[in-house]
């Protein structure tokens, strides 16, 4: 697939400097950047899901302890 991207002067300069510094084609730098961004978004998404699961597990544990205490009281 071929894609066209319009960059302002600042991004163009950054891309050219990175390309030169890394000894890579500009298109390779762009592909690497997209891959890195996608991995970062995926990791962030997984982290948010993990935090939500942990929060639910903690809430469930608290509810269980309350229920267990009530059962121990003979109710």
C-alpha atoms as a PDB file:
ATOM      1  CA  UNK A   1       0.000   0.000   0.000  1.00  0.00           C
ATOM      2  CA  UNK A   2       1.146   3.479  -0.741  1.00  0.00           C
ATOM      3  CA  UNK A   3       0.141   6.341   1.545  1.00  0.00           C
ATOM      4  CA  UNK A   4       0.657  10.059   1.216  1.00  0.00           C
ATOM      5  CA  UNK A   5       1.275  12.108   4.320  1.00  0.00           C
ATOM      6  CA  UNK A   6       1.532  15.875   4.516  1.00  0.00           C
ATOM      7  CA  UNK A   7       4.042  17.111   7.075  1.00  0.00           C
ATOM      8  CA  UNK A   8       4.663  20.623   8.286  1.00  0.00           C
ATOM      9  CA  UNK A   9       8.185  22.032   8.167  1.00  0.00           C
ATOM     10  CA  UNK A  10       8.948  21.016  11.760  1.00  0.00           C
ATOM     11  CA  UNK A  11       8.005  17.365  11.222  1.00  0.00           C
ATOM     12  CA  UNK A  12       9.785  17.307   7.879  1.00  0.00           C
ATOM     13  CA  UNK A  13      12.957  18.533   9.563  1.00  0.00           C
ATOM     14  CA  UNK A  14      12.613  15.956  12.362  1.00  0.00           C
ATOM     15  CA  UNK A  15      12.037  13.166   9.846  1.00  0.00           C
ATOM     16  CA  UNK A  16      15.071  14.169   7.802  1.00  0.00           C
ATOM     17  CA  UNK A  17      17.290  14.369  10.902  1.00  0.00           C
ATOM     18  CA  UNK A  18      16.091  10.986  12.199  1.00  0.00           C
ATOM     19  CA  UNK A  19      16.515   9.410   8.800  1.00  0.00           C
ATOM     20  CA  UNK A  20      20.065  10.707   8.560  1.00  0.00           C
ATOM     21  CA  UNK A  21      20.973   9.834  12.148  1.00  0.00           C
ATOM     22  CA  UNK A  22      19.579   6.293  11.889  1.00  0.00           C
ATOM     23  CA  UNK A  23      20.871   5.750   8.336  1.00  0.00           C
ATOM     24  CA  UNK A  24      17.377   4.685   7.266  1.00  0.00           C
ATOM     25  CA  UNK A  25      15.040   5.727   4.510  1.00  0.00           C
ATOM     26  CA  UNK A  26      12.353   8.190   5.524  1.00  0.00           C
ATOM     27  CA  UNK A  27       9.697   5.599   4.737  1.00  0.00           C
ATOM     28  CA  UNK A  28      11.414   3.141   7.126  1.00  0.00           C
ATOM     29  CA  UNK A  29      11.437   5.738   9.894  1.00  0.00           C
ATOM     30  CA  UNK A  30       7.724   6.389   9.326  1.00  0.00           C
ATOM     31  CA  UNK A  31       6.944   2.643   9.373  1.00  0.00           C
ATOM     32  CA  UNK A  32       8.946   2.248  12.591  1.00  0.00           C
ATOM     33  CA  UNK A  33       7.109   5.195  14.141  1.00  0.00           C
ATOM     34  CA  UNK A  34       3.700   3.739  13.267  1.00  0.00           C
ATOM     35  CA  UNK A  35       4.719   0.336  14.657  1.00  0.00           C
ATOM     36  CA  UNK A  36       5.991   1.930  17.880  1.00  0.00           C
ATOM     37  CA  UNK A  37       2.816   4.009  18.239  1.00  0.00           C
ATOM     38  CA  UNK A  38       0.584   0.985  17.664  1.00  0.00           C
ATOM     39  CA  UNK A  39       2.498  -1.041  20.274  1.00  0.00           C
ATOM     40  CA  UNK A  40       2.288   1.830  22.755  1.00  0.00           C
ATOM     41  CA  UNK A  41      -1.467   2.193  22.279  1.00  0.00           C
ATOM     42  CA  UNK A  42      -1.924  -1.584  22.631  1.00  0.00           C
ATOM     43  CA  UNK A  43       0.146  -1.672  25.833  1.00  0.00           C
ATOM     44  CA  UNK A  44      -1.795   1.270  27.257  1.00  0.00           C
ATOM     45  CA  UNK A  45      -5.090  -0.433  26.429  1.00  0.00           C
ATOM     46  CA  UNK A  46      -3.964  -3.674  28.079  1.00  0.00           C
ATOM     47  CA  UNK A  47      -2.795  -1.742  31.135  1.00  0.00           C
ATOM     48  CA  UNK A  48      -6.181  -0.028  31.495  1.00  0.00           C
ATOM     49  CA  UNK A  49      -7.984  -3.359  31.200  1.00  0.00           C
ATOM     50  CA  UNK A  50      -5.664  -4.932  33.781  1.00  0.00           C
ATOM     51  CA  UNK A  51      -6.279  -2.062  36.214  1.00  0.00           C
ATOM     52  CA  UNK A  52     -10.040  -2.424  35.749  1.00  0.00           C
ATOM     53  CA  UNK A  53      -9.844  -6.174  36.391  1.00  0.00           C
ATOM     54  CA  UNK A  54      -7.777  -5.614  39.539  1.00  0.00           C
ATOM     55  CA  UNK A  55     -10.269  -3.004  40.764  1.00  0.00           C
ATOM     56  CA  UNK A  56     -13.183  -5.405  40.247  1.00  0.00           C
ATOM     57  CA  UNK A  57     -11.283  -8.229  41.938  1.00  0.00           C
ATOM     58  CA  UNK A  58     -10.599  -5.996  44.954  1.00  0.00           C
ATOM     59  CA  UNK A  59     -14.253  -4.913  45.149  1.00  0.00           C
ATOM     60  CA  UNK A  60     -15.390  -8.545  44.883  1.00  0.00           C
ATOM     61  CA  UNK A  61     -12.971  -9.541  47.646  1.00  0.00           C
ATOM     62  CA  UNK A  62     -14.349  -6.819  49.927  1.00  0.00           C
ATOM     63  CA  UNK A  63     -17.919  -7.945  49.238  1.00  0.00           C
ATOM     64  CA  UNK A  64     -16.931 -11.562  49.901  1.00  0.00           C
ATOM     65  CA  UNK A  65     -15.342 -10.626  53.230  1.00  0.00           C
ATOM     66  CA  UNK A  66     -18.480  -8.718  54.273  1.00  0.00           C
ATOM     67  CA  UNK A  67     -20.671 -11.679  53.314  1.00  0.00           C
ATOM     68  CA  UNK A  68     -18.347 -14.129  55.058  1.00  0.00           C
ATOM     69  CA  UNK A  69     -18.462 -12.004  58.230  1.00  0.00           C
ATOM     70  CA  UNK A  70     -22.254 -11.979  58.108  1.00  0.00           C
ATOM     71  CA  UNK A  71     -22.346 -15.764  57.718  1.00  0.00           C
ATOM     72  CA  UNK A  72     -19.934 -16.173  60.619  1.00  0.00           C
ATOM     73  CA  UNK A  73     -22.297 -14.113  62.783  1.00  0.00           C
ATOM     74  CA  UNK A  74     -24.933 -16.780  62.214  1.00  0.00           C
ATOM     75  CA  UNK A  75     -27.217 -14.771  60.022  1.00  0.00           C
END
